[in-house]
Amino acid sequence: MKFRPGPFNIILLFFTLLAVGCKTNSLPKAADASTLRIFVEARPDAADRTQAIVVFLDPPLKLIVGKEPILDETSVTEAKLLEGDGKFGIQLKFTTHGALVLETTSLSHRGRHLAIYSEYPAGRWIGAPLLRQHTAGGELIFRMDGTREDAERFVKGLNLLATAMQKRGEQY
C-alpha cells in the first residue's frame, strides 16, 4: 500500500484555514475593546487579600479593596454615556448573573465603595461609586474619572465586546 501525502496535506491545509478564518472576526481587536474589573472596598488584612488604590476623582479617593474582582466585562450587556448639567457619567447594564452579584454586594456592603478598573488602552482606576442603597435591576451608574473623550472610548469599547460576546453566546 502506498500513501500519497500531497493530497492529504492540501486537504488538511484547507480545513485548517477554514477553521482559523471562521474565528478571526468574532471578537474586537484588543486596541478597540475596553476591559472592566469591579472590586469591593474591604478592610485591610494580614493574609494579603487586599490592595491599596487611589482613584483620581476630585478629590482623590484612597481605598483598600479586595484583590479579586466581583464582576468583569463578561457580565456587561450594554454601556451608555449619560450627560447632564455639563457633567457626564457611565451607566452599565449587566447580565442576569451580573445583576445578581451587584444586588447581593449592594446589600452586604452598604456604605462601602466599588472600585472600577479598566484598560482602554492604559490600565487605571476610573471610578468609585458609593453603595448607598440596595441596587436592584442590574444597572450601575458612576461618575468616571477622565475626559468626555475617555468616557466615549470606554463605552464604545465595552459595547463592542458585549455585542461580540452576545453573538458568540458567551455571556452569563
N, C-alpha and C. Protein backbone atom coordinates (compact mmCIF):
# COMPACT_ATOMS: atom_id res chain seq x y z
N MET A 1 0.84 -1.17 0.00
CA MET A 1 0.00 0.00 0.00
C MET A 1 0.88 1.23 0.00
N LYS A 2 0.59 2.13 -0.90
CA LYS A 2 1.37 3.36 -0.98
C LYS A 2 0.50 4.52 -0.49
N PHE A 3 1.13 5.39 0.25
CA PHE A 3 0.42 6.55 0.80
C PHE A 3 0.95 7.80 0.13
N ARG A 4 0.07 8.63 -0.39
CA ARG A 4 0.48 9.85 -1.09
C ARG A 4 0.17 11.05 -0.18
N PRO A 5 1.19 11.67 0.41
CA PRO A 5 0.98 12.77 1.35
C PRO A 5 0.54 14.07 0.68
N GLY A 6 0.74 14.25 -0.60
CA GLY A 6 0.41 15.51 -1.28
C GLY A 6 -1.06 15.90 -1.14
N PRO A 7 -2.01 15.06 -1.61
CA PRO A 7 -3.43 15.42 -1.49
C PRO A 7 -3.88 15.55 -0.03
N PHE A 8 -3.35 14.71 0.84
CA PHE A 8 -3.72 14.78 2.25
C PHE A 8 -3.32 16.13 2.85
N ASN A 9 -2.12 16.60 2.55
CA ASN A 9 -1.65 17.88 3.09
C ASN A 9 -2.47 19.06 2.56
N ILE A 10 -2.88 19.01 1.33
CA ILE A 10 -3.70 20.08 0.76
C ILE A 10 -5.06 20.12 1.45
N ILE A 11 -5.66 18.96 1.68
CA ILE A 11 -6.96 18.90 2.37
C ILE A 11 -6.81 19.38 3.80
N LEU A 12 -5.76 18.97 4.49
CA LEU A 12 -5.51 19.41 5.86
C LEU A 12 -5.32 20.93 5.91
N LEU A 13 -4.57 21.49 4.98
CA LEU A 13 -4.36 22.93 4.92
C LEU A 13 -5.68 23.66 4.68
N PHE A 14 -6.52 23.13 3.79
CA PHE A 14 -7.82 23.75 3.51
C PHE A 14 -8.69 23.83 4.77
N PHE A 15 -8.80 22.71 5.51
CA PHE A 15 -9.63 22.71 6.71
C PHE A 15 -9.04 23.56 7.83
N THR A 16 -7.74 23.63 7.92
CA THR A 16 -7.09 24.49 8.92
C THR A 16 -7.39 25.95 8.63
N LEU A 17 -7.23 26.37 7.39
CA LEU A 17 -7.53 27.76 7.02
C LEU A 17 -9.01 28.08 7.20
N LEU A 18 -9.86 27.13 6.90
CA LEU A 18 -11.29 27.33 7.09
C LEU A 18 -11.63 27.54 8.56
N ALA A 19 -11.05 26.72 9.42
CA ALA A 19 -11.32 26.83 10.86
C ALA A 19 -10.77 28.14 11.43
N VAL A 20 -9.58 28.53 11.03
CA VAL A 20 -8.99 29.78 11.52
C VAL A 20 -9.74 30.98 10.98
N GLY A 21 -10.12 30.94 9.72
CA GLY A 21 -10.83 32.06 9.10
C GLY A 21 -12.19 32.31 9.71
N CYS A 22 -12.84 31.29 10.23
CA CYS A 22 -14.16 31.46 10.82
C CYS A 22 -14.12 32.16 12.16
N LYS A 23 -12.99 32.14 12.85
CA LYS A 23 -12.93 32.69 14.19
C LYS A 23 -12.21 34.03 14.28
N THR A 24 -11.63 34.53 13.22
CA THR A 24 -10.81 35.71 13.32
C THR A 24 -11.60 36.98 13.62
N ASN A 25 -12.81 37.11 13.14
CA ASN A 25 -13.57 38.34 13.34
C ASN A 25 -14.61 38.24 14.46
N SER A 26 -14.52 37.24 15.31
CA SER A 26 -15.55 37.04 16.31
C SER A 26 -15.43 37.99 17.49
N LEU A 27 -14.24 38.43 17.84
CA LEU A 27 -14.06 39.38 18.94
C LEU A 27 -13.36 40.62 18.41
N PRO A 28 -13.64 41.79 19.01
CA PRO A 28 -12.99 43.02 18.54
C PRO A 28 -11.49 42.98 18.84
N LYS A 29 -10.75 43.81 18.14
CA LYS A 29 -9.32 43.92 18.36
C LYS A 29 -9.06 44.40 19.78
N ALA A 30 -7.95 44.00 20.34
CA ALA A 30 -7.61 44.39 21.71
C ALA A 30 -7.51 45.90 21.86
N ALA A 31 -7.08 46.59 20.81
CA ALA A 31 -6.95 48.05 20.89
C ALA A 31 -8.31 48.74 20.93
N ASP A 32 -9.36 48.08 20.42
CA ASP A 32 -10.69 48.67 20.40
C ASP A 32 -11.52 48.34 21.64
N ALA A 33 -11.25 47.21 22.27
CA ALA A 33 -12.06 46.74 23.39
C ALA A 33 -11.65 47.44 24.69
N SER A 34 -12.61 47.53 25.61
CA SER A 34 -12.35 48.06 26.95
C SER A 34 -12.57 46.93 27.95
N THR A 35 -11.68 46.84 28.92
CA THR A 35 -11.86 45.86 29.97
C THR A 35 -12.55 46.52 31.15
N LEU A 36 -13.06 45.71 32.04
CA LEU A 36 -13.75 46.23 33.23
C LEU A 36 -13.53 45.25 34.37
N ARG A 37 -13.10 45.76 35.50
CA ARG A 37 -12.97 44.97 36.72
C ARG A 37 -13.57 45.78 37.85
N ILE A 38 -14.52 45.19 38.56
CA ILE A 38 -15.17 45.88 39.68
C ILE A 38 -14.78 45.17 40.96
N PHE A 39 -14.23 45.94 41.89
CA PHE A 39 -13.76 45.44 43.18
C PHE A 39 -14.59 46.07 44.29
N VAL A 40 -14.62 45.42 45.46
CA VAL A 40 -15.37 45.93 46.61
C VAL A 40 -14.37 46.45 47.65
N GLU A 41 -14.71 47.59 48.25
CA GLU A 41 -13.90 48.13 49.34
C GLU A 41 -13.89 47.13 50.49
N ALA A 42 -12.73 46.96 51.11
CA ALA A 42 -12.58 45.96 52.17
C ALA A 42 -11.70 46.52 53.28
N ARG A 43 -11.68 45.80 54.38
CA ARG A 43 -10.77 46.14 55.48
C ARG A 43 -9.42 45.50 55.18
N PRO A 44 -8.33 46.17 55.55
CA PRO A 44 -7.02 45.55 55.30
C PRO A 44 -6.87 44.27 56.11
N ASP A 45 -6.19 43.29 55.54
CA ASP A 45 -5.97 42.04 56.26
C ASP A 45 -4.53 41.59 56.12
N ALA A 46 -4.12 40.71 57.00
CA ALA A 46 -2.75 40.23 57.01
C ALA A 46 -2.54 39.08 56.03
N ALA A 47 -3.60 38.56 55.45
CA ALA A 47 -3.50 37.42 54.54
C ALA A 47 -3.21 37.83 53.09
N ASP A 48 -2.93 39.09 52.87
CA ASP A 48 -2.59 39.60 51.54
C ASP A 48 -3.72 39.40 50.53
N ARG A 49 -4.98 39.61 50.98
CA ARG A 49 -6.13 39.51 50.07
C ARG A 49 -6.65 40.87 49.67
N THR A 50 -5.99 41.95 50.11
CA THR A 50 -6.42 43.31 49.79
C THR A 50 -5.26 44.09 49.19
N GLN A 51 -5.62 45.23 48.57
CA GLN A 51 -4.61 46.12 48.00
C GLN A 51 -5.06 47.56 48.20
N ALA A 52 -4.11 48.46 48.33
CA ALA A 52 -4.40 49.88 48.46
C ALA A 52 -4.39 50.51 47.08
N ILE A 53 -5.40 51.35 46.80
CA ILE A 53 -5.50 52.01 45.50
C ILE A 53 -5.83 53.48 45.70
N VAL A 54 -5.66 54.27 44.63
CA VAL A 54 -6.07 55.67 44.62
C VAL A 54 -6.86 55.90 43.34
N VAL A 55 -8.08 56.39 43.49
CA VAL A 55 -8.91 56.75 42.35
C VAL A 55 -8.84 58.26 42.24
N PHE A 56 -8.35 58.77 41.12
CA PHE A 56 -8.10 60.19 40.97
C PHE A 56 -9.35 60.96 40.58
N LEU A 57 -10.31 60.95 41.48
CA LEU A 57 -11.50 61.77 41.32
C LEU A 57 -11.17 63.15 41.88
N ASP A 58 -12.14 64.01 42.01
CA ASP A 58 -11.90 65.32 42.60
C ASP A 58 -12.67 65.42 43.90
N PRO A 59 -12.09 65.24 45.05
CA PRO A 59 -10.68 64.97 45.39
C PRO A 59 -10.35 63.50 45.21
N PRO A 60 -9.03 63.17 45.16
CA PRO A 60 -8.62 61.76 45.03
C PRO A 60 -9.13 60.94 46.21
N LEU A 61 -9.44 59.70 45.94
CA LEU A 61 -10.01 58.81 46.94
C LEU A 61 -9.07 57.62 47.14
N LYS A 62 -8.59 57.45 48.39
CA LYS A 62 -7.73 56.31 48.72
C LYS A 62 -8.60 55.22 49.33
N LEU A 63 -8.48 54.02 48.78
CA LEU A 63 -9.29 52.89 49.23
C LEU A 63 -8.44 51.64 49.42
N ILE A 64 -8.95 50.74 50.21
CA ILE A 64 -8.42 49.38 50.31
C ILE A 64 -9.50 48.48 49.70
N VAL A 65 -9.13 47.70 48.70
CA VAL A 65 -10.08 46.83 48.02
C VAL A 65 -9.55 45.40 47.99
N GLY A 66 -10.46 44.45 47.79
CA GLY A 66 -10.06 43.06 47.62
C GLY A 66 -9.29 42.89 46.33
N LYS A 67 -8.44 41.90 46.27
CA LYS A 67 -7.62 41.67 45.07
C LYS A 67 -8.39 40.99 43.94
N GLU A 68 -9.47 40.31 44.27
CA GLU A 68 -10.25 39.60 43.26
C GLU A 68 -11.48 40.44 42.87
N PRO A 69 -11.70 40.66 41.57
CA PRO A 69 -12.89 41.42 41.16
C PRO A 69 -14.16 40.61 41.36
N ILE A 70 -15.26 41.32 41.61
CA ILE A 70 -16.55 40.64 41.73
C ILE A 70 -17.25 40.55 40.38
N LEU A 71 -16.96 41.48 39.48
CA LEU A 71 -17.55 41.49 38.14
C LEU A 71 -16.50 41.92 37.13
N ASP A 72 -16.70 41.52 35.87
CA ASP A 72 -15.82 41.97 34.79
C ASP A 72 -16.65 42.24 33.54
N GLU A 73 -15.97 42.49 32.42
CA GLU A 73 -16.66 42.88 31.19
C GLU A 73 -17.56 41.79 30.63
N THR A 74 -17.36 40.54 31.02
CA THR A 74 -18.20 39.46 30.50
C THR A 74 -19.62 39.53 31.05
N SER A 75 -19.84 40.30 32.10
CA SER A 75 -21.17 40.44 32.69
C SER A 75 -21.91 41.69 32.22
N VAL A 76 -21.33 42.46 31.32
CA VAL A 76 -21.94 43.70 30.83
C VAL A 76 -22.69 43.43 29.53
N THR A 77 -23.95 43.87 29.47
CA THR A 77 -24.72 43.75 28.23
C THR A 77 -24.76 45.05 27.45
N GLU A 78 -24.62 46.18 28.16
CA GLU A 78 -24.67 47.48 27.48
C GLU A 78 -24.04 48.54 28.37
N ALA A 79 -23.40 49.51 27.73
CA ALA A 79 -22.84 50.67 28.43
C ALA A 79 -23.35 51.92 27.73
N LYS A 80 -23.67 52.95 28.52
CA LYS A 80 -24.17 54.22 27.97
C LYS A 80 -23.43 55.38 28.61
N LEU A 81 -23.27 56.43 27.83
CA LEU A 81 -22.73 57.68 28.34
C LEU A 81 -23.91 58.58 28.68
N LEU A 82 -24.01 59.00 29.93
CA LEU A 82 -25.08 59.87 30.38
C LEU A 82 -24.53 61.28 30.56
N GLU A 83 -25.29 62.28 30.13
CA GLU A 83 -24.84 63.66 30.25
C GLU A 83 -25.95 64.52 30.85
N GLY A 84 -25.51 65.54 31.60
CA GLY A 84 -26.46 66.48 32.18
C GLY A 84 -25.74 67.51 33.03
N ASP A 85 -26.14 68.75 32.92
CA ASP A 85 -25.56 69.85 33.69
C ASP A 85 -24.06 69.98 33.48
N GLY A 86 -23.58 69.71 32.29
CA GLY A 86 -22.16 69.83 32.00
C GLY A 86 -21.30 68.71 32.55
N LYS A 87 -21.91 67.70 33.16
CA LYS A 87 -21.18 66.56 33.71
C LYS A 87 -21.60 65.31 32.96
N PHE A 88 -20.82 64.26 33.10
CA PHE A 88 -21.16 63.01 32.45
C PHE A 88 -20.92 61.84 33.39
N GLY A 89 -21.62 60.77 33.11
CA GLY A 89 -21.48 59.54 33.88
C GLY A 89 -21.62 58.35 32.96
N ILE A 90 -21.39 57.18 33.51
CA ILE A 90 -21.48 55.94 32.76
C ILE A 90 -22.56 55.07 33.38
N GLN A 91 -23.41 54.51 32.55
CA GLN A 91 -24.43 53.57 33.00
C GLN A 91 -24.09 52.20 32.42
N LEU A 92 -23.94 51.22 33.31
CA LEU A 92 -23.66 49.85 32.90
C LEU A 92 -24.88 48.99 33.17
N LYS A 93 -25.27 48.19 32.19
CA LYS A 93 -26.35 47.20 32.37
C LYS A 93 -25.71 45.83 32.35
N PHE A 94 -26.11 44.99 33.30
CA PHE A 94 -25.48 43.70 33.49
C PHE A 94 -26.38 42.55 33.09
N THR A 95 -25.76 41.41 32.85
CA THR A 95 -26.48 40.17 32.58
C THR A 95 -27.20 39.74 33.86
N THR A 96 -27.95 38.68 33.78
CA THR A 96 -28.65 38.16 34.96
C THR A 96 -27.67 37.84 36.08
N HIS A 97 -26.58 37.19 35.74
CA HIS A 97 -25.55 36.87 36.73
C HIS A 97 -24.96 38.15 37.33
N GLY A 98 -24.60 39.11 36.48
CA GLY A 98 -24.03 40.36 36.96
C GLY A 98 -24.99 41.13 37.85
N ALA A 99 -26.28 41.13 37.48
CA ALA A 99 -27.29 41.82 38.29
C ALA A 99 -27.42 41.18 39.66
N LEU A 100 -27.36 39.87 39.72
CA LEU A 100 -27.45 39.17 41.00
C LEU A 100 -26.23 39.47 41.88
N VAL A 101 -25.05 39.46 41.31
CA VAL A 101 -23.83 39.78 42.06
C VAL A 101 -23.88 41.22 42.56
N LEU A 102 -24.30 42.15 41.71
CA LEU A 102 -24.39 43.55 42.10
C LEU A 102 -25.43 43.74 43.21
N GLU A 103 -26.55 43.07 43.11
CA GLU A 103 -27.60 43.20 44.12
C GLU A 103 -27.13 42.66 45.48
N THR A 104 -26.54 41.48 45.50
CA THR A 104 -26.08 40.92 46.77
C THR A 104 -24.93 41.73 47.36
N THR A 105 -24.08 42.27 46.51
CA THR A 105 -22.98 43.11 47.00
C THR A 105 -23.51 44.40 47.60
N SER A 106 -24.51 44.99 46.97
CA SER A 106 -25.06 46.25 47.50
C SER A 106 -25.78 46.03 48.82
N LEU A 107 -26.32 44.85 49.03
CA LEU A 107 -26.97 44.54 50.31
C LEU A 107 -25.96 44.29 51.42
N SER A 108 -24.92 43.53 51.10
CA SER A 108 -23.98 43.13 52.15
C SER A 108 -22.85 44.14 52.39
N HIS A 109 -22.66 45.08 51.48
CA HIS A 109 -21.56 46.06 51.62
C HIS A 109 -22.06 47.50 51.57
N ARG A 110 -23.26 47.74 52.04
CA ARG A 110 -23.82 49.09 52.03
C ARG A 110 -22.89 50.04 52.80
N GLY A 111 -22.67 51.22 52.24
CA GLY A 111 -21.79 52.21 52.87
C GLY A 111 -20.34 52.11 52.42
N ARG A 112 -20.03 51.13 51.58
CA ARG A 112 -18.68 50.97 51.04
C ARG A 112 -18.67 51.36 49.57
N HIS A 113 -17.47 51.49 49.04
CA HIS A 113 -17.30 51.86 47.63
C HIS A 113 -17.07 50.62 46.77
N LEU A 114 -17.44 50.74 45.53
CA LEU A 114 -17.00 49.83 44.49
C LEU A 114 -15.85 50.54 43.78
N ALA A 115 -14.78 49.86 43.49
CA ALA A 115 -13.66 50.44 42.75
C ALA A 115 -13.67 49.85 41.35
N ILE A 116 -13.66 50.72 40.34
CA ILE A 116 -13.77 50.27 38.95
C ILE A 116 -12.46 50.51 38.22
N TYR A 117 -11.92 49.44 37.66
CA TYR A 117 -10.64 49.47 36.95
C TYR A 117 -10.88 49.10 35.50
N SER A 118 -10.17 49.78 34.59
CA SER A 118 -10.32 49.46 33.18
C SER A 118 -9.00 49.66 32.45
N GLU A 119 -8.85 48.91 31.39
CA GLU A 119 -7.73 49.09 30.46
C GLU A 119 -8.33 49.47 29.12
N TYR A 120 -8.12 50.71 28.73
CA TYR A 120 -8.69 51.20 27.46
C TYR A 120 -7.86 52.34 26.89
N PRO A 121 -6.76 52.34 26.47
CA PRO A 121 -5.79 51.27 26.32
C PRO A 121 -4.87 51.12 27.53
N ALA A 122 -4.71 52.16 28.36
CA ALA A 122 -3.83 52.05 29.53
C ALA A 122 -4.67 51.74 30.76
N GLY A 123 -4.17 50.88 31.64
CA GLY A 123 -4.91 50.49 32.82
C GLY A 123 -4.90 51.56 33.90
N ARG A 124 -6.10 51.85 34.45
CA ARG A 124 -6.21 52.80 35.56
C ARG A 124 -7.56 52.65 36.24
N TRP A 125 -7.65 53.20 37.45
CA TRP A 125 -8.89 53.21 38.21
C TRP A 125 -9.74 54.36 37.69
N ILE A 126 -10.97 54.06 37.27
CA ILE A 126 -11.78 55.09 36.61
C ILE A 126 -12.98 55.55 37.43
N GLY A 127 -13.31 54.88 38.51
CA GLY A 127 -14.47 55.31 39.29
C GLY A 127 -14.57 54.57 40.61
N ALA A 128 -15.34 55.17 41.53
CA ALA A 128 -15.54 54.56 42.84
C ALA A 128 -16.90 54.96 43.41
N PRO A 129 -18.00 54.40 42.85
CA PRO A 129 -19.31 54.76 43.37
C PRO A 129 -19.53 54.19 44.78
N LEU A 130 -20.24 54.95 45.58
CA LEU A 130 -20.57 54.55 46.95
C LEU A 130 -21.88 53.76 46.93
N LEU A 131 -21.91 52.64 47.62
CA LEU A 131 -23.12 51.83 47.71
C LEU A 131 -24.00 52.41 48.82
N ARG A 132 -24.88 53.32 48.45
CA ARG A 132 -25.75 53.99 49.43
C ARG A 132 -27.00 53.20 49.74
N GLN A 133 -27.49 52.45 48.76
CA GLN A 133 -28.75 51.73 48.92
C GLN A 133 -28.70 50.42 48.14
N HIS A 134 -29.72 49.63 48.34
CA HIS A 134 -29.87 48.36 47.64
C HIS A 134 -29.98 48.63 46.14
N THR A 135 -29.15 47.98 45.34
CA THR A 135 -29.13 48.19 43.90
C THR A 135 -29.78 47.00 43.21
N ALA A 136 -31.03 47.18 42.80
CA ALA A 136 -31.74 46.12 42.08
C ALA A 136 -31.91 46.56 40.63
N GLY A 137 -32.15 45.64 39.75
CA GLY A 137 -32.39 45.98 38.35
C GLY A 137 -31.19 45.78 37.45
N GLY A 138 -30.04 45.47 38.01
CA GLY A 138 -28.88 45.17 37.19
C GLY A 138 -28.24 46.35 36.50
N GLU A 139 -28.36 47.55 37.07
CA GLU A 139 -27.73 48.73 36.49
C GLU A 139 -26.85 49.42 37.52
N LEU A 140 -25.73 49.95 37.04
CA LEU A 140 -24.82 50.71 37.88
C LEU A 140 -24.48 52.00 37.16
N ILE A 141 -24.62 53.12 37.85
CA ILE A 141 -24.27 54.43 37.30
C ILE A 141 -23.16 55.00 38.15
N PHE A 142 -22.11 55.48 37.49
CA PHE A 142 -21.00 56.09 38.22
C PHE A 142 -20.39 57.23 37.41
N ARG A 143 -19.72 58.12 38.14
CA ARG A 143 -19.01 59.24 37.51
C ARG A 143 -17.60 58.75 37.21
N MET A 144 -17.20 58.90 35.96
CA MET A 144 -15.90 58.39 35.52
C MET A 144 -14.83 59.46 35.64
N ASP A 145 -13.67 59.05 36.12
CA ASP A 145 -12.50 59.93 36.14
C ASP A 145 -11.92 59.98 34.74
N GLY A 146 -11.85 61.16 34.16
CA GLY A 146 -11.29 61.32 32.82
C GLY A 146 -12.09 62.32 32.02
N THR A 147 -11.71 62.47 30.78
CA THR A 147 -12.37 63.41 29.89
C THR A 147 -13.59 62.74 29.24
N ARG A 148 -14.37 63.56 28.56
CA ARG A 148 -15.53 63.03 27.86
C ARG A 148 -15.09 62.07 26.75
N GLU A 149 -13.98 62.39 26.09
CA GLU A 149 -13.45 61.51 25.04
C GLU A 149 -13.04 60.16 25.63
N ASP A 150 -12.45 60.17 26.84
CA ASP A 150 -12.11 58.91 27.51
C ASP A 150 -13.37 58.09 27.77
N ALA A 151 -14.42 58.76 28.23
CA ALA A 151 -15.68 58.07 28.53
C ALA A 151 -16.30 57.49 27.26
N GLU A 152 -16.27 58.25 26.17
CA GLU A 152 -16.81 57.75 24.91
C GLU A 152 -16.04 56.52 24.44
N ARG A 153 -14.73 56.57 24.55
CA ARG A 153 -13.87 55.45 24.14
C ARG A 153 -14.16 54.22 25.01
N PHE A 154 -14.31 54.43 26.32
CA PHE A 154 -14.59 53.34 27.25
C PHE A 154 -15.93 52.68 26.92
N VAL A 155 -16.97 53.48 26.73
CA VAL A 155 -18.31 52.97 26.42
C VAL A 155 -18.31 52.23 25.08
N LYS A 156 -17.67 52.80 24.09
CA LYS A 156 -17.62 52.16 22.77
C LYS A 156 -16.92 50.80 22.85
N GLY A 157 -15.81 50.76 23.58
CA GLY A 157 -15.06 49.50 23.72
C GLY A 157 -15.83 48.43 24.46
N LEU A 158 -16.56 48.83 25.52
CA LEU A 158 -17.38 47.85 26.25
C LEU A 158 -18.52 47.33 25.40
N ASN A 159 -19.16 48.23 24.65
CA ASN A 159 -20.28 47.81 23.79
C ASN A 159 -19.81 46.89 22.66
N LEU A 160 -18.63 47.15 22.10
CA LEU A 160 -18.08 46.26 21.07
C LEU A 160 -17.88 44.85 21.62
N LEU A 161 -17.31 44.79 22.80
CA LEU A 161 -17.06 43.49 23.43
C LEU A 161 -18.36 42.79 23.82
N ALA A 162 -19.31 43.54 24.37
CA ALA A 162 -20.60 42.96 24.76
C ALA A 162 -21.34 42.40 23.55
N THR A 163 -21.34 43.13 22.45
CA THR A 163 -22.01 42.67 21.24
C THR A 163 -21.36 41.40 20.69
N ALA A 164 -20.04 41.39 20.67
CA ALA A 164 -19.33 40.22 20.16
C ALA A 164 -19.59 39.00 21.05
N MET A 165 -19.63 39.20 22.35
CA MET A 165 -19.87 38.08 23.26
C MET A 165 -21.31 37.59 23.18
N GLN A 166 -22.27 38.49 22.95
CA GLN A 166 -23.65 38.06 22.77
C GLN A 166 -23.79 37.22 21.52
N LYS A 167 -23.10 37.60 20.45
CA LYS A 167 -23.16 36.84 19.21
C LYS A 167 -22.58 35.44 19.39
N ARG A 168 -21.54 35.36 20.20
CA ARG A 168 -20.90 34.06 20.44
C ARG A 168 -21.60 33.27 21.54
N GLY A 169 -22.52 33.92 22.27
CA GLY A 169 -23.25 33.24 23.33
C GLY A 169 -22.40 32.99 24.57
N GLU A 170 -21.45 33.88 24.85
CA GLU A 170 -20.52 33.68 25.95
C GLU A 170 -20.88 34.43 27.22
N GLN A 171 -21.91 35.27 27.20
CA GLN A 171 -22.26 36.00 28.41
C GLN A 171 -23.09 35.11 29.31
N TYR A 172 -22.93 35.29 30.60
CA TYR A 172 -23.71 34.51 31.56
C TYR A 172 -24.35 35.40 32.57
